[in-house]
Amino acid sequence: MRHVPVSRLTLYGLLTVFTLSLDLISKSVAFHKYHIHTGSDWLLDGWLKFRLFTSINQGALWGVGQGFSLWFAGLSIVALAGILYWLFGRQGCQSVWLTTALAFVSGGTLGNLYDRLGMHGLRESNGNKMFGVRDFLDFRLGEFDWAIFNAADICLVTGAVMLMLQSIIAPQPSTLATVD
């Protein structure tokens, strides 16, 4: 195994911790202020609308897979293991771009994993622990009501877009000449 540059390990660690902290702190502030299923008035109130509105998503994007929060938690753990292998086992960390993209994905994944495991401490009305992701950013575009999301989701999408851009823009390794 080749040497892992300390600068890449540091970059990955700092960005992952920063994005995780941003997510957990913003969720904590929003839920402390509004509790569950309440929020602000519309802060933007035109064709584009925006407000803070707290909700618990026990599924994935747009609520797909409701009730499978622990299954999604398992997928998150597998994804994190794959990211660490890609970066440090397969030397993806040689690229600053890839290291940054995967740090965003890791931080977002860890933030939502924290929630999916019920570590946020929220409880259902019957006292049972809630296993779901805390969301609080609510947008509407005209008549289209966008999914309520959080800072972890922003980090996940940012990392995914960076990965797509890399796959489109990055130079491909040259191939060997064909045999005569």
Protein backbone atom coordinates (compact mmCIF):
# COMPACT_ATOMS: atom_id res chain seq x y z
CA MET A 1 0.00 0.00 0.00
CA ARG A 2 1.33 3.41 -0.95
CA HIS A 3 1.81 6.18 1.56
CA VAL A 4 -1.27 8.24 2.47
CA PRO A 5 -0.37 11.94 2.43
CA VAL A 6 -0.90 13.48 5.87
CA SER A 7 -2.38 16.55 4.18
CA ARG A 8 -5.14 14.44 2.59
CA LEU A 9 -5.89 12.61 5.82
CA THR A 10 -6.08 15.99 7.57
CA LEU A 11 -8.26 17.49 4.82
CA TYR A 12 -10.62 14.52 4.90
CA GLY A 13 -10.83 14.53 8.70
CA LEU A 14 -11.37 18.27 9.06
CA LEU A 15 -14.00 18.51 6.31
CA THR A 16 -15.85 15.45 7.60
CA VAL A 17 -15.92 16.81 11.16
CA PHE A 18 -16.90 20.30 9.92
CA THR A 19 -19.82 19.05 7.80
CA LEU A 20 -20.96 16.67 10.55
CA SER A 21 -20.82 19.50 13.12
CA LEU A 22 -22.65 21.91 10.83
CA ASP A 23 -25.41 19.36 10.36
CA LEU A 24 -25.82 18.33 14.00
CA ILE A 25 -25.66 21.89 15.34
CA SER A 26 -28.16 23.24 12.79
CA LYS A 27 -30.59 20.39 13.52
CA SER A 28 -30.22 20.91 17.24
CA VAL A 29 -30.91 24.65 16.96
CA ALA A 30 -33.94 24.18 14.68
CA PHE A 31 -35.51 21.45 16.81
CA HIS A 32 -34.79 23.29 20.05
CA LYS A 33 -36.57 26.36 18.72
CA TYR A 34 -39.50 24.70 16.89
CA HIS A 35 -39.76 21.17 18.36
CA ILE A 36 -41.43 18.66 15.98
CA HIS A 37 -43.81 19.43 13.08
CA THR A 38 -43.82 23.21 13.57
CA GLY A 39 -41.83 26.06 12.15
CA SER A 40 -41.50 29.65 11.11
CA ASP A 41 -43.73 31.69 8.86
CA TRP A 42 -42.57 31.87 5.24
CA LEU A 43 -39.28 33.78 5.24
CA LEU A 44 -39.50 34.05 1.44
CA ASP A 45 -43.08 34.29 0.21
CA GLY A 46 -43.26 34.64 -3.55
CA TRP A 47 -42.97 32.13 -6.37
CA LEU A 48 -40.01 30.83 -4.33
CA LYS A 49 -41.03 30.14 -0.76
CA PHE A 50 -38.79 29.18 2.14
CA ARG A 51 -39.36 28.50 5.82
CA LEU A 52 -37.95 26.47 8.66
CA PHE A 53 -40.29 23.56 9.37
CA THR A 54 -39.22 20.58 11.46
CA SER A 55 -40.08 17.03 10.54
CA ILE A 56 -38.78 13.51 11.04
CA ASN A 57 -38.14 11.45 7.92
CA GLN A 58 -38.03 7.72 8.65
CA GLY A 59 -37.17 6.96 5.04
CA ALA A 60 -34.96 8.48 2.38
CA LEU A 61 -35.39 11.33 -0.11
CA TRP A 62 -39.02 12.49 -0.36
CA GLY A 63 -39.94 9.97 2.32
CA VAL A 64 -39.32 6.91 0.13
CA GLY A 65 -38.91 3.81 2.30
CA GLN A 66 -40.71 5.09 5.39
CA GLY A 67 -40.09 2.84 8.40
CA PHE A 68 -36.80 1.47 7.07
CA SER A 69 -34.60 3.89 9.01
CA LEU A 70 -32.44 1.17 10.55
CA TRP A 71 -31.99 -0.47 7.13
CA PHE A 72 -30.82 2.90 5.76
CA ALA A 73 -28.49 3.16 8.78
CA GLY A 74 -26.91 -0.15 7.76
CA LEU A 75 -26.44 1.11 4.20
CA SER A 76 -24.78 4.23 5.60
CA ILE A 77 -22.24 2.15 7.49
CA VAL A 78 -21.46 0.12 4.36
CA ALA A 79 -21.10 3.35 2.34
CA LEU A 80 -18.70 4.82 4.91
CA ALA A 81 -16.59 1.66 4.85
CA GLY A 82 -16.50 1.85 1.03
CA ILE A 83 -15.46 5.50 1.13
CA LEU A 84 -12.61 4.80 3.54
CA TYR A 85 -11.43 1.88 1.41
CA TRP A 86 -11.62 3.95 -1.81
CA LEU A 87 -9.74 6.87 -0.29
CA PHE A 88 -7.10 5.13 1.77
CA GLY A 89 -6.99 1.52 0.57
CA ARG A 90 -7.19 2.30 -3.16
CA GLN A 91 -5.36 5.63 -2.85
CA GLY A 92 -8.20 7.88 -3.99
CA CYS A 93 -6.77 10.35 -1.47
CA GLN A 94 -4.07 11.23 -3.99
CA SER A 95 -6.71 13.57 -5.46
CA VAL A 96 -7.64 16.67 -3.43
CA TRP A 97 -10.92 16.91 -5.36
CA LEU A 98 -11.91 13.32 -4.60
CA THR A 99 -10.84 13.66 -0.96
CA THR A 100 -12.99 16.79 -0.61
CA ALA A 101 -16.01 15.24 -2.34
CA LEU A 102 -15.88 12.11 -0.21
CA ALA A 103 -15.42 14.16 2.97
CA PHE A 104 -18.68 15.99 2.17
CA VAL A 105 -20.41 12.65 1.56
CA SER A 106 -18.94 11.21 4.78
CA GLY A 107 -19.98 14.17 6.93
CA GLY A 108 -23.51 14.12 5.53
CA THR A 109 -23.77 10.37 5.90
CA LEU A 110 -22.58 10.51 9.53
CA GLY A 111 -25.05 13.31 10.35
CA ASN A 112 -28.01 11.38 9.02
CA LEU A 113 -26.70 8.12 10.52
CA TYR A 114 -26.65 9.79 13.96
CA ASP A 115 -30.34 10.60 13.51
CA ARG A 116 -31.31 7.23 12.02
CA LEU A 117 -29.90 5.49 15.09
CA GLY A 118 -32.14 7.66 17.29
CA MET A 119 -29.20 9.36 18.97
CA HIS A 120 -30.94 12.77 18.76
CA GLY A 121 -33.06 11.74 21.76
CA LEU A 122 -36.46 12.55 20.25
CA ARG A 123 -39.34 10.32 21.32
CA GLU A 124 -42.71 9.39 19.88
CA SER A 125 -45.87 10.22 21.86
CA ASN A 126 -45.83 6.69 23.35
CA GLY A 127 -42.28 7.25 24.67
CA ASN A 128 -40.49 5.08 22.10
CA LYS A 129 -37.26 6.35 20.59
CA MET A 130 -37.67 7.95 17.12
CA PHE A 131 -35.52 6.46 14.39
CA GLY A 132 -35.52 9.04 11.65
CA VAL A 133 -33.64 11.96 10.17
CA ARG A 134 -34.38 15.47 11.46
CA ASP A 135 -35.21 17.77 8.55
CA PHE A 136 -36.03 21.48 8.74
CA LEU A 137 -35.36 23.34 5.46
CA ASP A 138 -38.65 23.69 3.54
CA PHE A 139 -38.81 25.15 0.02
CA ARG A 140 -41.62 25.53 -2.50
CA LEU A 141 -41.08 26.44 -6.12
CA GLY A 142 -44.40 27.69 -7.45
CA GLU A 143 -46.80 24.82 -6.85
CA PHE A 144 -43.98 22.29 -6.41
CA ASP A 145 -43.38 21.45 -2.75
CA TRP A 146 -39.75 20.36 -2.46
CA ALA A 147 -38.78 17.70 0.08
CA ILE A 148 -37.86 19.08 3.50
CA PHE A 149 -34.14 18.52 4.02
CA ASN A 150 -31.17 19.37 6.25
CA ALA A 151 -27.49 20.38 6.11
CA ALA A 152 -26.37 16.73 5.82
CA ASP A 153 -28.42 16.42 2.63
CA ILE A 154 -26.76 19.54 1.23
CA CYS A 155 -23.34 18.01 1.96
CA LEU A 156 -24.33 14.68 0.38
CA VAL A 157 -25.59 16.37 -2.79
CA THR A 158 -22.51 18.62 -2.99
CA GLY A 159 -20.22 15.59 -2.72
CA ALA A 160 -22.27 13.65 -5.30
CA VAL A 161 -22.15 16.56 -7.77
CA MET A 162 -18.40 16.82 -7.27
CA LEU A 163 -18.06 13.09 -8.00
CA MET A 164 -20.15 13.44 -11.17
CA LEU A 165 -18.06 16.40 -12.33
CA GLN A 166 -14.89 14.43 -11.72
CA SER A 167 -16.18 11.52 -13.77
CA ILE A 168 -16.98 13.88 -16.66
CA ILE A 169 -13.94 16.17 -16.53
CA ALA A 170 -11.10 14.07 -15.08
CA PRO A 171 -8.56 12.82 -17.60
CA GLN A 172 -8.84 9.11 -18.27
CA PRO A 173 -5.73 6.95 -17.95
CA SER A 174 -4.17 6.27 -21.33
CA THR A 175 -4.55 2.77 -22.68
CA LEU A 176 -1.75 0.66 -24.07
CA ALA A 177 -1.31 0.54 -27.82
CA THR A 178 -2.98 -2.38 -29.54
CA VAL A 179 -0.92 -5.37 -30.62
CA ASP A 180 0.32 -5.27 -34.25
